[in-house]
């Protein structure tokens, strides 16, 4: 159900204060950027934090999607004997894989 315009406005209203300390140089640069865009520094900071949070959400979603895809592919591979055999054969054809297995075997015995 959609809320009223007043409810939507209320949900977007900034009401939580977050305090940060900046070096003088960074503060001066940030203020200059805000002024260059015709914004108050607090407004630019709120927008920047909002963008950061959204980017973090998107990256987390992509990471989950990649993990699920990799999990499905591994599951498919491990349940298909022919595919698994081909992957093992290809790995054993790689000299670096063979050398690594020999190193492991030598360290164990």
N, C-alpha and C. Protein backbone atom coordinates (compact mmCIF):
# COMPACT_ATOMS: atom_id res chain seq x y z
N UNK A 1 0.84 -1.18 0.00
CA UNK A 1 0.00 0.00 0.00
C UNK A 1 0.89 1.24 0.00
N UNK A 2 0.53 2.18 -0.82
CA UNK A 2 1.29 3.43 -0.91
C UNK A 2 0.90 4.36 0.23
N UNK A 3 1.87 5.06 0.78
CA UNK A 3 1.58 6.02 1.83
C UNK A 3 1.19 7.36 1.23
N UNK A 4 0.75 8.21 2.07
CA UNK A 4 0.40 9.55 1.61
C UNK A 4 1.68 10.33 1.35
N UNK A 5 1.55 11.44 0.67
CA UNK A 5 2.70 12.29 0.40
C UNK A 5 3.35 12.73 1.70
N UNK A 6 2.55 13.04 2.70
CA UNK A 6 3.09 13.47 3.99
C UNK A 6 3.88 12.33 4.64
N UNK A 7 3.38 11.10 4.54
CA UNK A 7 4.09 9.95 5.12
C UNK A 7 5.41 9.71 4.39
N UNK A 8 5.39 9.81 3.05
CA UNK A 8 6.62 9.63 2.28
C UNK A 8 7.63 10.71 2.62
N UNK A 9 7.16 11.95 2.74
CA UNK A 9 8.04 13.06 3.10
C UNK A 9 8.65 12.83 4.47
N UNK A 10 7.85 12.34 5.41
CA UNK A 10 8.31 12.09 6.77
C UNK A 10 9.37 10.98 6.79
N UNK A 11 9.21 9.95 5.94
CA UNK A 11 10.17 8.84 5.93
C UNK A 11 11.51 9.25 5.34
N UNK A 12 11.52 10.31 4.53
CA UNK A 12 12.76 10.78 3.92
C UNK A 12 13.43 11.89 4.71
N UNK A 13 12.75 12.39 5.70
CA UNK A 13 13.27 13.52 6.49
C UNK A 13 14.48 13.06 7.31
N UNK A 14 15.50 13.88 7.31
CA UNK A 14 16.69 13.57 8.10
C UNK A 14 16.40 13.88 9.57
N UNK A 15 16.54 12.86 10.42
CA UNK A 15 16.22 13.08 11.82
C UNK A 15 17.30 12.54 12.77
N UNK A 16 18.27 11.81 12.25
CA UNK A 16 19.33 11.24 13.08
C UNK A 16 20.62 12.01 12.81
N UNK A 17 21.25 12.45 13.87
CA UNK A 17 22.49 13.20 13.74
C UNK A 17 23.68 12.26 13.78
N UNK A 18 24.60 12.45 12.85
CA UNK A 18 25.86 11.70 12.82
C UNK A 18 26.97 12.73 12.82
N UNK A 19 27.88 12.60 13.74
CA UNK A 19 28.97 13.59 13.84
C UNK A 19 30.26 12.95 13.35
N UNK A 20 31.01 13.73 12.60
CA UNK A 20 32.33 13.29 12.13
C UNK A 20 33.33 14.40 12.35
N UNK A 21 34.58 14.01 12.51
CA UNK A 21 35.65 15.00 12.61
C UNK A 21 36.51 14.85 11.36
N UNK A 22 36.81 16.00 10.75
CA UNK A 22 37.62 16.02 9.54
C UNK A 22 38.86 16.86 9.80
N UNK A 23 39.90 16.56 9.05
CA UNK A 23 41.06 17.44 9.11
C UNK A 23 40.64 18.77 8.51
N UNK A 24 41.36 19.82 8.85
CA UNK A 24 41.01 21.15 8.33
C UNK A 24 41.06 21.17 6.81
N UNK A 25 42.06 20.52 6.24
CA UNK A 25 42.21 20.52 4.78
C UNK A 25 41.02 19.81 4.11
N UNK A 26 40.63 18.66 4.65
CA UNK A 26 39.50 17.93 4.08
C UNK A 26 38.21 18.71 4.26
N UNK A 27 38.05 19.33 5.42
CA UNK A 27 36.86 20.13 5.67
C UNK A 27 36.77 21.30 4.69
N UNK A 28 37.88 21.98 4.48
CA UNK A 28 37.90 23.10 3.54
C UNK A 28 37.53 22.64 2.13
N UNK A 29 38.09 21.53 1.73
CA UNK A 29 37.80 21.00 0.38
C UNK A 29 36.33 20.59 0.26
N UNK A 30 35.82 19.94 1.31
CA UNK A 30 34.42 19.49 1.29
C UNK A 30 33.47 20.69 1.23
N UNK A 31 33.74 21.71 2.03
CA UNK A 31 32.93 22.92 2.02
C UNK A 31 32.97 23.58 0.64
N UNK A 32 34.13 23.61 0.02
CA UNK A 32 34.26 24.20 -1.31
C UNK A 32 33.44 23.42 -2.34
N UNK A 33 33.46 22.10 -2.23
CA UNK A 33 32.65 21.28 -3.15
C UNK A 33 31.17 21.56 -2.93
N UNK A 34 30.74 21.59 -1.67
CA UNK A 34 29.34 21.86 -1.36
C UNK A 34 28.92 23.22 -1.90
N UNK A 35 29.74 24.23 -1.64
CA UNK A 35 29.41 25.58 -2.12
C UNK A 35 29.37 25.62 -3.64
N UNK A 36 30.27 24.90 -4.29
CA UNK A 36 30.29 24.84 -5.75
C UNK A 36 29.02 24.23 -6.33
N UNK A 37 28.38 23.39 -5.55
CA UNK A 37 27.13 22.77 -5.99
C UNK A 37 25.91 23.50 -5.46
N UNK A 38 26.14 24.55 -4.71
CA UNK A 38 25.03 25.31 -4.15
C UNK A 38 24.33 24.60 -3.01
N UNK A 39 25.08 23.79 -2.26
CA UNK A 39 24.51 23.02 -1.15
C UNK A 39 25.19 23.41 0.16
N UNK A 40 24.49 23.15 1.24
CA UNK A 40 25.11 23.23 2.55
C UNK A 40 25.97 21.98 2.72
N UNK A 41 27.08 22.08 3.46
CA UNK A 41 27.92 20.90 3.67
C UNK A 41 27.14 19.72 4.26
N UNK A 42 26.20 19.97 5.18
CA UNK A 42 25.43 18.88 5.78
C UNK A 42 24.57 18.18 4.74
N UNK A 43 24.03 18.93 3.79
CA UNK A 43 23.20 18.34 2.74
C UNK A 43 24.06 17.46 1.83
N UNK A 44 25.23 17.97 1.45
CA UNK A 44 26.14 17.17 0.63
C UNK A 44 26.58 15.92 1.37
N UNK A 45 26.87 16.06 2.66
CA UNK A 45 27.28 14.90 3.46
C UNK A 45 26.18 13.86 3.51
N UNK A 46 24.93 14.29 3.69
CA UNK A 46 23.80 13.35 3.73
C UNK A 46 23.66 12.63 2.39
N UNK A 47 23.81 13.36 1.30
CA UNK A 47 23.72 12.75 -0.03
C UNK A 47 24.86 11.76 -0.25
N UNK A 48 26.07 12.15 0.15
CA UNK A 48 27.23 11.28 -0.02
C UNK A 48 27.07 9.99 0.79
N UNK A 49 26.60 10.11 2.02
CA UNK A 49 26.38 8.91 2.84
C UNK A 49 25.29 8.03 2.24
N UNK A 50 24.23 8.65 1.74
CA UNK A 50 23.16 7.88 1.09
C UNK A 50 23.66 7.11 -0.12
N UNK A 51 24.50 7.77 -0.93
CA UNK A 51 25.09 7.09 -2.09
C UNK A 51 25.99 5.94 -1.65
N UNK A 52 26.77 6.15 -0.59
CA UNK A 52 27.66 5.11 -0.09
C UNK A 52 26.86 3.89 0.37
N UNK A 53 25.79 4.14 1.12
CA UNK A 53 24.97 3.03 1.63
C UNK A 53 24.33 2.28 0.46
N UNK A 54 23.83 2.99 -0.53
CA UNK A 54 23.21 2.33 -1.69
C UNK A 54 24.24 1.50 -2.45
N UNK A 55 25.43 2.04 -2.65
CA UNK A 55 26.49 1.29 -3.33
C UNK A 55 26.85 0.04 -2.53
N UNK A 56 26.91 0.16 -1.21
CA UNK A 56 27.20 -1.00 -0.35
C UNK A 56 26.12 -2.07 -0.51
N UNK A 57 24.86 -1.65 -0.52
CA UNK A 57 23.76 -2.60 -0.71
C UNK A 57 23.88 -3.33 -2.05
N UNK A 58 24.17 -2.57 -3.10
CA UNK A 58 24.29 -3.17 -4.43
C UNK A 58 25.45 -4.16 -4.49
N UNK A 59 26.58 -3.81 -3.90
CA UNK A 59 27.73 -4.70 -3.90
C UNK A 59 27.44 -5.97 -3.10
N UNK A 60 26.73 -5.83 -1.98
CA UNK A 60 26.37 -7.00 -1.18
C UNK A 60 25.43 -7.91 -1.97
N UNK A 61 24.48 -7.33 -2.69
CA UNK A 61 23.56 -8.11 -3.50
C UNK A 61 24.31 -8.84 -4.61
N UNK A 62 25.22 -8.16 -5.28
CA UNK A 62 26.00 -8.79 -6.34
C UNK A 62 26.84 -9.93 -5.76
N UNK A 63 27.45 -9.71 -4.61
CA UNK A 63 28.26 -10.76 -3.97
C UNK A 63 27.43 -11.99 -3.65
N UNK A 64 26.22 -11.76 -3.14
CA UNK A 64 25.33 -12.90 -2.85
C UNK A 64 24.95 -13.63 -4.12
N UNK A 65 24.67 -12.89 -5.18
CA UNK A 65 24.29 -13.52 -6.45
C UNK A 65 25.44 -14.34 -7.01
N UNK A 66 26.67 -13.80 -6.94
CA UNK A 66 27.84 -14.52 -7.43
C UNK A 66 28.05 -15.80 -6.60
N UNK A 67 27.92 -15.69 -5.28
CA UNK A 67 28.11 -16.85 -4.41
C UNK A 67 27.07 -17.93 -4.71
N UNK A 68 25.82 -17.52 -4.90
CA UNK A 68 24.77 -18.49 -5.22
C UNK A 68 25.03 -19.16 -6.57
N UNK A 69 25.47 -18.37 -7.54
CA UNK A 69 25.77 -18.94 -8.86
C UNK A 69 26.93 -19.92 -8.77
N UNK A 70 27.98 -19.55 -8.05
CA UNK A 70 29.13 -20.45 -7.89
C UNK A 70 28.73 -21.72 -7.17
N UNK A 71 27.90 -21.59 -6.15
CA UNK A 71 27.43 -22.75 -5.41
C UNK A 71 26.63 -23.69 -6.32
N UNK A 72 25.76 -23.12 -7.13
CA UNK A 72 24.96 -23.94 -8.05
C UNK A 72 25.85 -24.64 -9.05
N UNK A 73 26.83 -23.92 -9.59
CA UNK A 73 27.73 -24.53 -10.57
C UNK A 73 28.54 -25.67 -9.94
N UNK A 74 29.01 -25.46 -8.70
CA UNK A 74 29.76 -26.52 -8.02
C UNK A 74 28.87 -27.72 -7.75
N UNK A 75 27.66 -27.45 -7.33
CA UNK A 75 26.71 -28.54 -7.07
C UNK A 75 26.45 -29.33 -8.34
N UNK A 76 26.22 -28.62 -9.44
CA UNK A 76 26.00 -29.28 -10.73
C UNK A 76 27.21 -30.12 -11.12
N UNK A 77 28.40 -29.57 -10.92
CA UNK A 77 29.63 -30.27 -11.27
C UNK A 77 29.81 -31.53 -10.43
N UNK A 78 29.59 -31.40 -9.13
CA UNK A 78 29.82 -32.53 -8.22
C UNK A 78 28.79 -33.63 -8.37
N UNK A 79 27.64 -33.33 -8.93
CA UNK A 79 26.60 -34.36 -9.11
C UNK A 79 26.64 -34.98 -10.50
N UNK A 80 27.51 -34.50 -11.38
CA UNK A 80 27.66 -35.06 -12.72
C UNK A 80 29.05 -35.66 -12.83
N UNK A 81 29.13 -36.97 -12.74
CA UNK A 81 30.41 -37.67 -12.74
C UNK A 81 31.25 -37.40 -13.97
N UNK A 82 30.61 -37.31 -15.14
CA UNK A 82 31.37 -37.05 -16.37
C UNK A 82 32.03 -35.68 -16.34
N UNK A 83 31.27 -34.67 -15.92
CA UNK A 83 31.84 -33.32 -15.84
C UNK A 83 32.97 -33.26 -14.82
N UNK A 84 32.76 -33.90 -13.67
CA UNK A 84 33.77 -33.89 -12.62
C UNK A 84 35.05 -34.56 -13.11
N UNK A 85 34.90 -35.68 -13.81
CA UNK A 85 36.07 -36.37 -14.35
C UNK A 85 36.85 -35.51 -15.33
N UNK A 86 36.12 -34.79 -16.17
CA UNK A 86 36.78 -33.92 -17.14
C UNK A 86 37.54 -32.79 -16.43
N UNK A 87 36.96 -32.23 -15.39
CA UNK A 87 37.62 -31.15 -14.66
C UNK A 87 38.88 -31.67 -13.98
N UNK A 88 38.80 -32.83 -13.36
CA UNK A 88 39.97 -33.41 -12.69
C UNK A 88 41.06 -33.72 -13.71
N UNK A 89 40.68 -34.29 -14.85
CA UNK A 89 41.66 -34.60 -15.89
C UNK A 89 42.33 -33.33 -16.40
N UNK A 90 41.55 -32.28 -16.60
CA UNK A 90 42.12 -31.01 -17.06
C UNK A 90 43.07 -30.44 -16.02
N UNK A 91 42.71 -30.55 -14.74
CA UNK A 91 43.58 -30.03 -13.67
C UNK A 91 44.88 -30.80 -13.62
N UNK A 92 44.80 -32.11 -13.79
CA UNK A 92 46.02 -32.93 -13.73
C UNK A 92 46.90 -32.74 -14.96
N UNK A 93 46.36 -32.17 -16.00
CA UNK A 93 47.16 -31.87 -17.20
C UNK A 93 47.97 -30.59 -17.02
N UNK A 94 47.65 -29.82 -15.98
CA UNK A 94 48.36 -28.57 -15.71
C UNK A 94 49.59 -28.86 -14.86
N UNK A 95 50.79 -28.53 -15.35
CA UNK A 95 52.01 -28.80 -14.57
C UNK A 95 52.01 -28.14 -13.19
N UNK A 96 51.43 -26.95 -13.07
CA UNK A 96 51.43 -26.27 -11.78
C UNK A 96 50.59 -27.03 -10.75
N UNK A 97 49.49 -27.64 -11.19
CA UNK A 97 48.64 -28.41 -10.28
C UNK A 97 49.38 -29.66 -9.84
N UNK A 98 50.03 -30.33 -10.79
CA UNK A 98 50.79 -31.54 -10.46
C UNK A 98 51.92 -31.20 -9.48
N UNK A 99 52.63 -30.11 -9.71
CA UNK A 99 53.72 -29.70 -8.81
C UNK A 99 53.18 -29.40 -7.41
N UNK A 100 52.04 -28.75 -7.34
CA UNK A 100 51.45 -28.43 -6.04
C UNK A 100 51.07 -29.72 -5.29
N UNK A 101 50.49 -30.67 -6.00
CA UNK A 101 50.13 -31.96 -5.37
C UNK A 101 51.37 -32.71 -4.90
N UNK A 102 52.43 -32.65 -5.69
CA UNK A 102 53.69 -33.30 -5.29
C UNK A 102 54.28 -32.62 -4.05
N UNK A 103 54.20 -31.31 -3.99
CA UNK A 103 54.70 -30.58 -2.81
C UNK A 103 53.92 -30.97 -1.57
N UNK A 104 52.61 -31.08 -1.71
CA UNK A 104 51.77 -31.47 -0.56
C UNK A 104 52.14 -32.88 -0.10
N UNK A 105 52.29 -33.77 -1.06
CA UNK A 105 52.63 -35.16 -0.73
C UNK A 105 54.00 -35.23 -0.05
N UNK A 106 54.96 -34.45 -0.54
CA UNK A 106 56.31 -34.47 0.04
C UNK A 106 56.29 -33.90 1.47
N UNK A 107 55.47 -32.88 1.72
CA UNK A 107 55.43 -32.29 3.06
C UNK A 107 54.74 -33.21 4.06
N UNK A 108 53.89 -34.09 3.57
CA UNK A 108 53.18 -35.02 4.47
C UNK A 108 54.05 -36.23 4.83
N UNK A 109 54.98 -36.57 3.97
CA UNK A 109 55.69 -37.81 4.23
C UNK A 109 57.12 -37.64 4.29
